Amino acid sequence: MECEQFSLSLKDLLQSWKVRGQLHPLLHQAIEDRLIEVLAQKEGIEIQVRELQEAADRYRQQHGLQRSEATREWLQEKHLTLEDFEASFARSLRRRKLAEKVTADQIERYFAEHRTEFDQARLSQILVEKEGVADELCSQIKEDGADFALLARAHSIDPESKQAGGYLGILSRDDMPSIIEAAVFGAKAGEVLGPFQTREGFHLVRVEEILSAELKQAREIIRDRLFARWLEEKK
């Protein structure tokens, strides 16, 4: 059976995006991209061909697109032209260079004023479903000297940390529920805290190490934060 031909107007397209809640984010991003382009021109920021090539090469390396044929197939799959591909890197480079220029003289002062916000902690946890179980495990650790890692392997319900003896790795303040964050950054290395209740269950947390913030690690986060604020004012 042959399908009837039909047309799709720009109005139809916009209405479809609108009812799905996609129109506002798309417009917001388009406005921001154009605004950055205009502001970058005013600041005398230029993107060199070499910079575009290096960015494209890094992307291809990371995504297994070293062969030109693989790149062509990937572009076809994404319905992109080579010009679209290069334009995406130009946008990213333009944004980064503009952000670096307009925030360069503010980053160190911001870090000095907000240093503790960027502290991190190396943590382990035991997560269980019932408060009574958490209380019992806490008692075994603090009063009987039970091994935290062994108890985590035996009792924790967190599949990601269980086999590592509860080890979670290095977390920033934003990675933790506020109730746990407040306790962790008021504790010393080796302390076992909790139990804390979240929607996941009841947590016992061991503070392995508190890592004081360093500007080198926080610089990019601060730059993006300050740039977002600056850009919002320009909008």
Protein backbone atom coordinates (compact mmCIF):
# COMPACT_ATOMS: atom_id res chain seq x y z
CA MET A 1 0.00 0.00 0.00
CA GLU A 2 1.46 3.34 -1.03
CA CYS A 3 1.85 6.01 1.67
CA GLU A 4 0.33 9.43 1.14
CA GLN A 5 2.80 12.28 0.79
CA PHE A 6 2.72 14.91 3.52
CA SER A 7 4.60 18.03 4.51
CA LEU A 8 6.16 19.07 7.80
CA SER A 9 6.30 22.80 8.42
CA LEU A 10 8.62 24.61 10.80
CA LYS A 11 5.53 25.38 12.89
CA ASP A 12 4.72 21.66 13.11
CA LEU A 13 8.27 20.89 14.16
CA LEU A 14 8.37 23.59 16.83
CA GLN A 15 4.98 22.50 18.18
CA SER A 16 6.18 18.90 18.42
CA TRP A 17 9.28 19.97 20.38
CA LYS A 18 7.20 22.27 22.57
CA VAL A 19 4.69 19.65 23.73
CA ARG A 20 7.55 17.27 24.53
CA GLY A 21 9.31 19.89 26.64
CA GLN A 22 12.28 20.04 24.24
CA LEU A 23 11.77 23.47 22.67
CA HIS A 24 12.96 25.64 25.55
CA PRO A 25 16.25 23.74 26.12
CA LEU A 26 16.99 23.77 22.38
CA LEU A 27 16.30 27.50 22.10
CA HIS A 28 18.32 28.19 25.23
CA GLN A 29 21.32 26.31 23.83
CA ALA A 30 21.04 27.97 20.41
CA ILE A 31 20.92 31.43 21.99
CA GLU A 32 23.87 30.63 24.22
CA ASP A 33 25.95 29.31 21.32
CA ARG A 34 25.27 32.43 19.27
CA LEU A 35 25.92 34.75 22.21
CA ILE A 36 29.28 33.09 22.88
CA GLU A 37 30.18 33.47 19.21
CA VAL A 38 29.39 37.22 19.30
CA LEU A 39 31.18 37.80 22.61
CA ALA A 40 34.23 35.83 21.48
CA GLN A 41 34.48 38.04 18.39
CA LYS A 42 34.33 41.15 20.59
CA GLU A 43 37.11 39.73 22.76
CA GLY A 44 39.25 39.05 19.69
CA ILE A 45 39.21 35.29 20.20
CA GLU A 46 40.06 33.21 17.14
CA ILE A 47 40.14 29.46 16.54
CA GLN A 48 43.18 28.27 14.62
CA VAL A 49 43.02 25.42 12.10
CA ARG A 50 45.69 23.61 14.11
CA GLU A 51 43.51 23.76 17.24
CA LEU A 52 40.54 22.30 15.37
CA GLN A 53 42.68 19.51 13.96
CA GLU A 54 44.10 18.63 17.36
CA ALA A 55 40.62 18.57 18.93
CA ALA A 56 39.28 16.36 16.12
CA ASP A 57 42.26 14.01 16.41
CA ARG A 58 41.73 13.63 20.17
CA TYR A 59 38.05 12.88 19.66
CA ARG A 60 38.76 10.26 16.98
CA GLN A 61 41.41 8.65 19.18
CA GLN A 62 39.04 8.44 22.15
CA HIS A 63 36.18 6.99 20.07
CA GLY A 64 38.12 4.57 17.88
CA LEU A 65 37.72 6.62 14.70
CA GLN A 66 41.37 6.72 13.63
CA ARG A 67 40.61 5.37 10.15
CA SER A 68 39.03 7.82 7.72
CA GLU A 69 36.50 5.19 6.67
CA ALA A 70 35.38 4.73 10.27
CA THR A 71 34.94 8.49 10.60
CA ARG A 72 32.84 8.65 7.43
CA GLU A 73 30.60 5.84 8.62
CA TRP A 74 30.19 7.51 12.02
CA LEU A 75 29.24 10.83 10.39
CA GLN A 76 26.66 9.10 8.18
CA GLU A 77 25.18 7.32 11.17
CA LYS A 78 24.84 10.64 13.02
CA HIS A 79 23.57 12.46 9.89
CA LEU A 80 26.45 14.94 10.13
CA THR A 81 28.74 16.48 7.54
CA LEU A 82 32.44 17.04 8.03
CA GLU A 83 31.65 20.75 8.41
CA ASP A 84 29.19 19.92 11.22
CA PHE A 85 31.89 17.81 12.87
CA GLU A 86 34.41 20.66 12.78
CA ALA A 87 31.82 23.23 13.88
CA SER A 88 31.15 21.27 17.07
CA PHE A 89 34.83 21.49 18.02
CA ALA A 90 34.93 25.17 17.10
CA ARG A 91 32.04 25.82 19.52
CA SER A 92 33.76 23.94 22.34
CA LEU A 93 37.10 25.67 21.77
CA ARG A 94 35.46 29.09 21.50
CA ARG A 95 33.60 28.58 24.75
CA ARG A 96 36.70 27.39 26.61
CA LYS A 97 38.93 30.20 25.34
CA LEU A 98 36.32 32.84 26.13
CA ALA A 99 35.80 31.37 29.60
CA GLU A 100 39.53 31.38 30.28
CA LYS A 101 39.88 34.99 29.16
CA VAL A 102 37.01 36.51 31.12
CA THR A 103 37.67 34.59 34.36
CA ALA A 104 41.48 34.56 34.43
CA ASP A 105 41.86 37.29 37.05
CA GLN A 106 39.09 35.96 39.31
CA ILE A 107 39.92 32.30 39.82
CA GLU A 108 42.55 32.56 42.54
CA ARG A 109 40.49 34.98 44.61
CA TYR A 110 37.38 32.80 44.27
CA PHE A 111 39.35 29.75 45.36
CA ALA A 112 40.71 31.57 48.40
CA GLU A 113 37.20 32.61 49.44
CA HIS A 114 35.56 29.22 48.80
CA ARG A 115 38.41 26.81 49.37
CA THR A 116 36.61 24.36 51.65
CA GLU A 117 33.89 23.84 49.02
CA PHE A 118 36.45 21.95 46.95
CA ASP A 119 37.73 19.63 49.67
CA GLN A 120 37.44 15.91 48.94
CA ALA A 121 37.43 12.74 51.00
CA ARG A 122 38.51 9.17 50.41
CA LEU A 123 35.72 7.01 51.82
CA SER A 124 34.49 3.47 52.39
CA GLN A 125 30.95 2.46 53.29
CA ILE A 126 28.71 -0.35 54.41
CA LEU A 127 25.15 -0.04 53.13
CA VAL A 128 22.37 -2.15 54.64
CA GLU A 129 18.58 -2.13 54.49
CA LYS A 130 17.75 -2.09 58.21
CA GLU A 131 18.80 0.35 60.92
CA GLY A 132 19.17 -2.44 63.47
CA VAL A 133 21.70 -4.22 61.26
CA ALA A 134 23.64 -0.97 60.79
CA ASP A 135 23.68 -0.39 64.57
CA GLU A 136 24.94 -3.92 65.20
CA LEU A 137 27.71 -3.62 62.60
CA CYS A 138 28.71 -0.24 63.99
CA SER A 139 28.97 -1.77 67.46
CA GLN A 140 31.12 -4.63 66.16
CA ILE A 141 33.51 -2.17 64.51
CA LYS A 142 33.79 0.35 67.35
CA GLU A 143 33.54 -1.93 70.38
CA ASP A 144 34.87 -5.28 69.18
CA GLY A 145 37.42 -4.00 66.62
CA ALA A 146 35.81 -5.90 63.73
CA ASP A 147 37.35 -5.35 60.30
CA PHE A 148 35.33 -2.80 58.32
CA ALA A 149 36.27 -4.24 54.91
CA LEU A 150 35.34 -7.80 55.88
CA LEU A 151 31.97 -6.66 57.19
CA ALA A 152 31.37 -4.68 53.99
CA ARG A 153 32.04 -7.75 51.85
CA ALA A 154 29.74 -9.85 54.02
CA HIS A 155 26.84 -7.46 54.60
CA SER A 156 26.82 -4.45 52.27
CA ILE A 157 24.10 -4.31 49.63
CA ASP A 158 25.97 -1.78 47.47
CA PRO A 159 27.13 -3.88 44.48
CA GLU A 160 29.75 -1.36 43.34
CA SER A 161 31.70 -1.10 46.59
CA LYS A 162 30.91 -4.44 48.26
CA GLN A 163 33.66 -6.49 46.62
CA ALA A 164 36.20 -3.73 47.27
CA GLY A 165 35.61 -3.94 51.00
CA GLY A 166 33.27 -0.96 50.84
CA TYR A 167 35.80 1.35 49.20
CA LEU A 168 34.08 4.22 47.38
CA GLY A 169 37.11 6.18 46.20
CA ILE A 170 37.56 9.95 46.30
CA LEU A 171 34.35 11.97 46.59
CA SER A 172 33.68 15.69 46.55
CA ARG A 173 31.11 17.42 48.74
CA ASP A 174 28.60 17.42 45.88
CA ASP A 175 28.88 13.63 45.61
CA MET A 176 27.53 13.11 49.13
CA PRO A 177 24.12 13.58 50.73
CA SER A 178 24.27 16.68 52.94
CA ILE A 179 23.85 14.70 56.16
CA ILE A 180 26.92 12.58 55.34
CA GLU A 181 28.95 15.50 53.97
CA ALA A 182 28.61 17.50 57.21
CA ALA A 183 29.81 14.57 59.30
CA VAL A 184 32.65 13.53 56.98
CA PHE A 185 34.31 16.93 56.80
CA GLY A 186 34.11 17.31 60.55
CA ALA A 187 35.80 13.96 61.14
CA LYS A 188 39.35 12.64 61.19
CA ALA A 189 40.93 9.91 59.12
CA GLY A 190 40.02 6.46 60.43
CA GLU A 191 36.72 7.48 62.02
CA VAL A 192 33.61 5.40 61.38
CA LEU A 193 30.46 7.49 61.14
CA GLY A 194 26.76 6.74 61.12
CA PRO A 195 24.48 5.09 60.54
CA PHE A 196 22.97 7.66 58.16
CA GLN A 197 19.62 7.05 56.52
CA THR A 198 19.08 7.85 52.83
CA ARG A 199 16.59 6.48 50.32
CA GLU A 200 19.16 3.77 49.52
CA GLY A 201 19.23 2.44 53.08
CA PHE A 202 21.44 2.90 56.12
CA HIS A 203 25.09 3.86 55.65
CA LEU A 204 28.13 3.34 57.83
CA VAL A 205 30.97 5.47 56.49
CA ARG A 206 34.68 5.19 57.24
CA VAL A 207 36.79 8.25 56.52
CA GLU A 208 40.00 6.99 54.95
CA GLU A 209 41.48 10.42 54.25
CA ILE A 210 40.48 14.07 54.04
CA LEU A 211 42.01 15.76 50.98
CA SER A 212 42.33 19.52 51.30
CA ALA A 213 41.52 21.39 48.11
CA GLU A 214 44.24 22.51 45.74
CA LEU A 215 43.81 25.20 43.10
CA LYS A 216 45.16 22.95 40.34
CA GLN A 217 42.29 20.47 40.76
CA ALA A 218 39.63 23.13 41.34
CA ARG A 219 40.62 25.58 38.58
CA GLU A 220 38.41 24.14 35.83
CA ILE A 221 35.34 23.87 38.06
CA ILE A 222 35.79 27.45 39.24
CA ARG A 223 36.32 28.70 35.69
CA ASP A 224 33.09 27.07 34.51
CA ARG A 225 31.16 28.38 37.52
CA LEU A 226 32.37 31.96 37.06
CA PHE A 227 31.83 31.82 33.31
CA ALA A 228 28.25 30.57 33.70
CA ARG A 229 27.56 33.50 36.02
CA TRP A 230 29.18 35.97 33.62
CA LEU A 231 27.29 34.55 30.65
CA GLU A 232 23.98 34.74 32.49
CA GLU A 233 24.57 38.43 33.12
CA LYS A 234 25.27 38.97 29.41
CA LYS A 235 22.06 37.21 28.46
